[in-house]
């Protein structure tokens, strides 16, 4: 089966904030401040309700039978509708095993809301066996099926108290983890016009997720040690061949972690 480890990055949905709080005459930054303030009043957190998130990047590691690719969906100037549509088109084309870190709690629900907003077709994703009997017993929507593996949820034994961060588990396993950015910085970096940096950050999160997935496949017995090492080497080779600075930084941090063990 094809495998797609993915991650999304989001900013406040300013258009929705304007409608929710009737502040159409304010600039984007001021609207976002109101949205964060309202959420702090309601929940004592700046983390907005999921329908108030707008997707600015979706990145993935795609492992097919014959190759491996690391990429972000769409060009840097692509509209949200396009990148969301590309995500679901990929599921239609490859029917991959989806892999995420907290995808069940964040990434996929946000994608649900944004596809609903834009009228994006996601027929394959919502399939539960009506048109494809195979999906009756293994689909993207059931928590206990394996077509979507939320690593955070699975490794915690589906217990809230057992959950951990991607950064912590990647670091524990000797993988690079976060490199110079975190999710709470995305809005500020977006305002500064640094979408390329956000996309690069999203790609490294997808890489960390994929690396943890490979280790999980090793302990499950899906990969043996030699196959596991070959998968790691393939990924290193792809990153080295890319010529992209953030992948070079990722490899350097990876080597430093391994050398430090």
Protein backbone atom coordinates (compact mmCIF):
# COMPACT_ATOMS: atom_id res chain seq x y z
CA UNK A 1 0.00 0.00 0.00
CA UNK A 2 1.12 3.57 -0.68
CA UNK A 3 1.82 5.69 2.39
CA UNK A 4 1.25 9.43 2.80
CA UNK A 5 2.58 11.07 5.97
CA UNK A 6 1.22 14.61 6.07
CA UNK A 7 0.96 17.81 8.07
CA UNK A 8 -0.92 21.09 7.71
CA UNK A 9 -0.20 24.66 8.82
CA UNK A 10 -2.95 27.16 9.49
CA UNK A 11 -3.61 30.82 10.24
CA UNK A 12 -6.76 32.53 11.57
CA UNK A 13 -9.63 32.65 9.07
CA UNK A 14 -9.82 36.43 9.02
CA UNK A 15 -12.88 36.49 6.74
CA UNK A 16 -14.80 34.36 9.24
CA UNK A 17 -13.55 36.48 12.15
CA UNK A 18 -14.90 39.61 10.48
CA UNK A 19 -18.33 38.03 10.12
CA UNK A 20 -18.38 36.48 13.58
CA UNK A 21 -17.51 39.69 15.40
CA UNK A 22 -18.84 42.27 12.90
CA UNK A 23 -15.50 44.03 12.48
CA UNK A 24 -15.37 44.39 8.73
CA UNK A 25 -13.56 47.74 8.84
CA UNK A 26 -10.49 46.50 10.75
CA UNK A 27 -7.19 45.30 9.28
CA UNK A 28 -6.27 41.60 9.33
CA UNK A 29 -3.94 41.87 12.32
CA UNK A 30 -6.58 43.57 14.45
CA UNK A 31 -9.22 41.01 13.49
CA UNK A 32 -6.86 38.19 14.49
CA UNK A 33 -6.21 39.87 17.85
CA UNK A 34 -9.96 39.98 18.48
CA UNK A 35 -10.28 36.30 17.57
CA UNK A 36 -7.48 35.34 19.96
CA UNK A 37 -8.90 37.58 22.69
CA UNK A 38 -12.36 36.02 22.39
CA UNK A 39 -10.85 32.54 22.61
CA UNK A 40 -8.81 33.47 25.69
CA UNK A 41 -11.99 34.75 27.31
CA UNK A 42 -13.86 31.54 26.49
CA UNK A 43 -11.15 28.89 26.91
CA UNK A 44 -8.08 30.59 28.41
CA UNK A 45 -6.05 29.74 25.30
CA UNK A 46 -5.04 31.38 22.02
CA UNK A 47 -5.69 28.14 20.14
CA UNK A 48 -8.70 28.95 17.99
CA UNK A 49 -11.70 26.63 17.43
CA UNK A 50 -11.03 24.38 14.46
CA UNK A 51 -13.53 26.05 12.09
CA UNK A 52 -11.61 29.31 12.56
CA UNK A 53 -8.41 27.92 11.00
CA UNK A 54 -7.45 28.60 7.37
CA UNK A 55 -4.96 26.26 5.74
CA UNK A 56 -1.86 27.85 4.19
CA UNK A 57 0.26 24.73 3.71
CA UNK A 58 -0.15 20.98 3.36
CA UNK A 59 3.08 19.00 3.15
CA UNK A 60 3.65 15.30 2.75
CA UNK A 61 6.03 12.40 2.38
CA UNK A 62 4.64 10.01 -0.22
CA UNK A 63 6.10 6.50 -0.29
CA UNK A 64 4.93 4.44 -3.25
CA UNK A 65 6.08 0.98 -4.24
CA UNK A 66 8.86 2.42 -6.41
CA UNK A 67 9.72 5.87 -5.08
CA UNK A 68 9.60 8.45 -2.32
CA UNK A 69 8.71 12.14 -2.59
CA UNK A 70 8.70 15.03 -0.09
CA UNK A 71 6.64 18.04 -1.16
CA UNK A 72 4.10 20.73 -0.39
CA UNK A 73 0.83 20.82 -2.31
CA UNK A 74 0.41 23.54 -4.90
CA UNK A 75 2.60 26.54 -5.67
CA UNK A 76 3.38 29.11 -2.99
CA UNK A 77 0.66 31.39 -4.37
CA UNK A 78 -2.00 28.65 -4.60
CA UNK A 79 -5.37 29.42 -3.03
CA UNK A 80 -6.60 27.36 -0.09
CA UNK A 81 -9.25 25.62 -2.19
CA UNK A 82 -6.61 24.37 -4.61
CA UNK A 83 -4.32 22.86 -2.00
CA UNK A 84 -7.23 21.22 -0.19
CA UNK A 85 -8.50 19.80 -3.47
CA UNK A 86 -5.01 18.50 -4.27
CA UNK A 87 -4.93 16.68 -0.94
CA UNK A 88 -8.16 14.83 -1.63
CA UNK A 89 -7.20 14.24 -5.27
CA UNK A 90 -4.09 12.48 -3.97
CA UNK A 91 -6.27 10.14 -1.92
CA UNK A 92 -8.34 9.43 -5.00
CA UNK A 93 -5.24 8.64 -7.06
CA UNK A 94 -3.17 6.63 -4.58
CA UNK A 95 -5.61 5.40 -1.87
CA UNK A 96 -2.69 5.66 0.55
CA UNK A 97 -2.39 4.73 4.17
CA UNK A 98 -2.56 8.18 5.78
CA UNK A 99 -0.12 8.89 8.60
CA UNK A 100 -0.29 11.90 10.90
CA UNK A 101 0.58 13.25 14.29
CA UNK A 102 -2.68 14.38 15.88
CA UNK A 103 -4.34 14.24 12.49
CA UNK A 104 -7.52 12.85 14.03
CA UNK A 105 -7.74 15.71 16.49
CA UNK A 106 -6.63 18.59 14.29
CA UNK A 107 -5.48 18.18 10.68
CA UNK A 108 -8.36 16.08 9.36
CA UNK A 109 -11.20 17.98 11.10
CA UNK A 110 -9.75 21.25 9.78
CA UNK A 111 -9.63 19.71 6.30
CA UNK A 112 -13.26 18.63 6.75
CA UNK A 113 -14.34 22.19 7.51
CA UNK A 114 -12.29 23.75 4.71
CA UNK A 115 -13.52 21.25 2.11
CA UNK A 116 -17.04 21.98 3.29
CA UNK A 117 -16.43 25.72 2.90
CA UNK A 118 -15.01 25.42 -0.61
CA UNK A 119 -17.22 22.60 -1.87
CA UNK A 120 -14.21 20.36 -2.48
CA UNK A 121 -14.94 16.85 -3.71
CA UNK A 122 -13.53 14.25 -1.30
CA UNK A 123 -15.48 11.16 -2.35
CA UNK A 124 -12.67 8.66 -1.76
CA UNK A 125 -11.94 10.02 1.69
CA UNK A 126 -15.57 9.69 2.84
CA UNK A 127 -15.99 6.19 1.39
CA UNK A 128 -17.14 3.66 4.00
CA UNK A 129 -18.07 0.72 1.78
CA UNK A 130 -21.05 1.92 -0.22
CA UNK A 131 -19.10 1.95 -3.51
CA UNK A 132 -15.97 0.04 -2.52
CA UNK A 133 -16.55 -2.93 -0.23
CA UNK A 134 -12.90 -2.92 0.87
CA UNK A 135 -13.53 0.39 2.63
CA UNK A 136 -16.26 -1.12 4.78
CA UNK A 137 -13.60 -2.81 6.88
CA UNK A 138 -10.74 -0.33 6.52
CA UNK A 139 -11.51 3.33 5.85
CA UNK A 140 -10.17 6.78 6.69
CA UNK A 141 -12.93 7.64 9.14
CA UNK A 142 -12.91 4.83 11.68
CA UNK A 143 -10.63 5.47 14.63
CA UNK A 144 -9.71 1.82 14.94
CA UNK A 145 -9.00 1.11 11.27
CA UNK A 146 -5.50 1.40 9.79
CA UNK A 147 -6.08 3.43 6.62
CA UNK A 148 -5.39 6.50 8.75
CA UNK A 149 -2.82 6.06 11.51
CA UNK A 150 -2.76 8.96 13.93
CA UNK A 151 0.56 8.12 15.57
CA UNK A 152 -0.04 10.37 18.56
CA UNK A 153 -3.32 8.65 19.32
CA UNK A 154 -2.17 5.09 18.58
CA UNK A 155 1.08 5.31 20.56
CA UNK A 156 -0.82 6.77 23.52
CA UNK A 157 -3.12 3.75 23.52
CA UNK A 158 -5.99 6.13 22.69
CA UNK A 159 -5.61 7.64 26.17
CA UNK A 160 -5.47 11.43 26.52
CA UNK A 161 -3.01 11.17 29.39
CA UNK A 162 -0.59 9.18 27.24
CA UNK A 163 -0.29 11.71 24.43
CA UNK A 164 2.97 13.44 23.62
CA UNK A 165 4.24 16.04 21.18
CA UNK A 166 5.84 15.30 17.82
CA UNK A 167 8.90 17.23 18.97
CA UNK A 168 9.37 15.13 22.09
CA UNK A 169 9.03 11.75 20.40
CA UNK A 170 11.18 12.75 17.41
CA UNK A 171 13.90 13.91 19.82
CA UNK A 172 13.59 10.74 21.90
CA UNK A 173 14.18 8.63 18.78
CA UNK A 174 17.17 10.66 17.56
CA UNK A 175 15.35 12.44 14.75
CA UNK A 176 15.72 16.18 14.08
CA UNK A 177 12.45 17.47 15.56
CA UNK A 178 11.54 21.14 15.17
CA UNK A 179 14.05 23.34 13.35
CA UNK A 180 13.63 27.03 14.15
CA UNK A 181 9.84 27.29 14.05
CA UNK A 182 6.78 26.05 15.90
CA UNK A 183 3.07 26.13 15.16
CA UNK A 184 2.39 29.14 17.36
CA UNK A 185 4.77 31.23 15.23
CA UNK A 186 3.06 30.54 11.90
CA UNK A 187 0.66 33.51 12.00
CA UNK A 188 3.45 35.99 12.73
CA UNK A 189 5.67 34.53 10.01
CA UNK A 190 2.75 34.60 7.57
CA UNK A 191 2.13 38.28 8.33
CA UNK A 192 5.82 38.89 7.62
CA UNK A 193 5.42 37.33 4.17
CA UNK A 194 7.42 34.20 5.03
CA UNK A 195 5.18 31.59 3.43
CA UNK A 196 8.19 29.76 1.97
CA UNK A 197 9.58 29.28 5.50
CA UNK A 198 6.18 28.00 6.68
CA UNK A 199 6.05 25.47 3.84
CA UNK A 200 9.59 24.33 4.66
CA UNK A 201 8.64 23.95 8.33
CA UNK A 202 5.55 21.96 7.37
CA UNK A 203 7.68 19.64 5.23
CA UNK A 204 10.07 18.95 8.12
CA UNK A 205 7.12 18.12 10.38
CA UNK A 206 5.92 15.64 7.73
CA UNK A 207 9.44 14.18 7.65
CA UNK A 208 9.55 13.73 11.42
CA UNK A 209 6.13 12.07 11.27
CA UNK A 210 7.28 9.71 8.51
CA UNK A 211 10.43 8.78 10.45
CA UNK A 212 8.40 7.93 13.55
CA UNK A 213 6.06 5.91 11.34
CA UNK A 214 8.99 3.87 9.99
CA UNK A 215 10.10 3.09 13.55
CA UNK A 216 6.52 2.11 14.38
CA UNK A 217 6.47 -0.24 11.39
CA UNK A 218 9.68 -1.80 12.72
CA UNK A 219 8.21 -2.53 16.16
CA UNK A 220 4.99 -3.81 14.56
CA UNK A 221 7.02 -6.29 12.53
CA UNK A 222 5.92 -4.81 9.20
CA UNK A 223 9.57 -3.91 8.53
CA UNK A 224 12.55 -5.96 9.62
CA UNK A 225 15.80 -4.26 10.64
CA UNK A 226 17.43 -4.44 7.21
CA UNK A 227 14.34 -3.08 5.42
CA UNK A 228 14.03 -0.35 8.04
CA UNK A 229 17.61 0.75 7.44
CA UNK A 230 17.05 0.74 3.67
CA UNK A 231 14.02 2.99 4.09
CA UNK A 232 16.08 5.43 6.16
CA UNK A 233 18.84 5.41 3.56
CA UNK A 234 16.37 6.03 0.74
CA UNK A 235 15.02 9.04 2.60
CA UNK A 236 18.51 10.41 3.27
CA UNK A 237 19.40 10.01 -0.41
CA UNK A 238 16.26 11.84 -1.55
CA UNK A 239 16.94 14.73 0.81
CA UNK A 240 20.59 14.97 -0.25
CA UNK A 241 19.61 15.01 -3.92
CA UNK A 242 16.99 17.74 -3.44
CA UNK A 243 19.47 20.60 -3.12
CA UNK A 244 17.05 22.43 -0.81
CA UNK A 245 18.44 24.30 2.17
CA UNK A 246 15.87 23.17 4.74
CA UNK A 247 16.46 19.53 3.80
CA UNK A 248 20.22 20.05 4.18
CA UNK A 249 19.54 21.52 7.64
CA UNK A 250 17.30 18.56 8.47
CA UNK A 251 20.01 16.08 7.45
CA UNK A 252 22.66 17.95 9.42
CA UNK A 253 20.50 17.90 12.55
CA UNK A 254 19.74 14.21 11.99
CA UNK A 255 23.43 13.33 11.70
CA UNK A 256 24.22 15.39 14.81
CA UNK A 257 21.59 13.49 16.80
CA UNK A 258 22.94 10.13 15.61
CA UNK A 259 26.54 11.11 16.32
CA UNK A 260 25.54 12.28 19.79
CA UNK A 261 23.99 8.97 20.79
